[in-house]
């Protein structure tokens, strides 16, 4: 979707060129290459990746 942020599976936002396969898979790079990586929408990220994207630490801080 245009105008929607796309992320690598680790939660890193991708702002570069993309290409889309016939099956709908969106990947990094303008054309397929060995370095192309799958992109997902925020809702499809795992819990840890969402936390990283939201700027939260992986480890919770203990209250003093």
Protein backbone atom coordinates (compact mmCIF):
# COMPACT_ATOMS: atom_id res chain seq x y z
CA UNK A 1 0.00 0.00 0.00
CA UNK A 2 1.26 3.44 -0.79
CA UNK A 3 1.51 5.80 2.15
CA UNK A 4 1.75 2.95 4.67
CA UNK A 5 5.03 2.34 6.50
CA UNK A 6 6.83 -0.92 5.78
CA UNK A 7 9.18 -2.74 8.12
CA UNK A 8 11.79 -5.46 8.06
CA UNK A 9 10.85 -8.40 10.27
CA UNK A 10 13.16 -7.08 13.02
CA UNK A 11 11.08 -3.88 13.30
CA UNK A 12 13.40 -1.58 11.32
CA UNK A 13 11.41 0.86 9.17
CA UNK A 14 12.28 0.66 5.46
CA UNK A 15 12.26 3.95 3.55
CA UNK A 16 13.97 2.88 0.32
CA UNK A 17 12.86 1.38 -2.96
CA UNK A 18 10.58 -1.67 -3.03
CA UNK A 19 9.30 -4.23 -5.49
CA UNK A 20 6.27 -6.51 -5.32
CA UNK A 21 5.98 -10.12 -6.45
CA UNK A 22 2.95 -11.62 -8.19
CA UNK A 23 1.96 -13.33 -4.95
CA UNK A 24 1.81 -9.93 -3.20
CA UNK A 25 5.08 -10.22 -1.26
CA UNK A 26 6.71 -6.82 -0.88
CA UNK A 27 10.51 -6.75 -0.76
CA UNK A 28 13.35 -4.25 -0.45
CA UNK A 29 15.09 -2.92 -3.56
CA UNK A 30 13.69 -1.76 -6.88
CA UNK A 31 14.32 -5.21 -8.40
CA UNK A 32 14.88 -8.70 -6.99
CA UNK A 33 18.42 -9.42 -5.84
CA UNK A 34 20.25 -11.69 -3.38
CA UNK A 35 20.11 -8.90 -0.81
CA UNK A 36 16.33 -8.29 -1.10
CA UNK A 37 14.45 -8.76 2.19
CA UNK A 38 10.76 -9.29 2.88
CA UNK A 39 8.81 -6.28 4.16
CA UNK A 40 5.71 -6.33 6.37
CA UNK A 41 3.19 -3.88 7.79
CA UNK A 42 3.31 -2.88 11.46
CA UNK A 43 0.36 -5.16 12.33
CA UNK A 44 2.33 -8.17 11.07
CA UNK A 45 5.39 -7.56 13.27
CA UNK A 46 6.10 -9.76 16.26
CA UNK A 47 5.89 -8.46 19.84
CA UNK A 48 9.64 -7.82 20.15
CA UNK A 49 9.84 -6.06 16.77
CA UNK A 50 6.85 -3.85 17.66
CA UNK A 51 8.52 -2.90 20.94
CA UNK A 52 11.71 -1.99 19.07
CA UNK A 53 9.70 0.07 16.57
CA UNK A 54 7.84 1.87 19.35
CA UNK A 55 11.17 2.82 20.94
CA UNK A 56 10.69 0.61 23.95
CA UNK A 57 13.56 -1.31 25.48
CA UNK A 58 13.60 -5.10 25.23
CA UNK A 59 14.39 -5.28 28.95
CA UNK A 60 12.00 -3.70 31.41
CA UNK A 61 13.52 -1.44 34.03
CA UNK A 62 12.89 -2.31 37.65
CA UNK A 63 11.26 0.49 39.68
CA UNK A 64 13.44 1.94 42.45
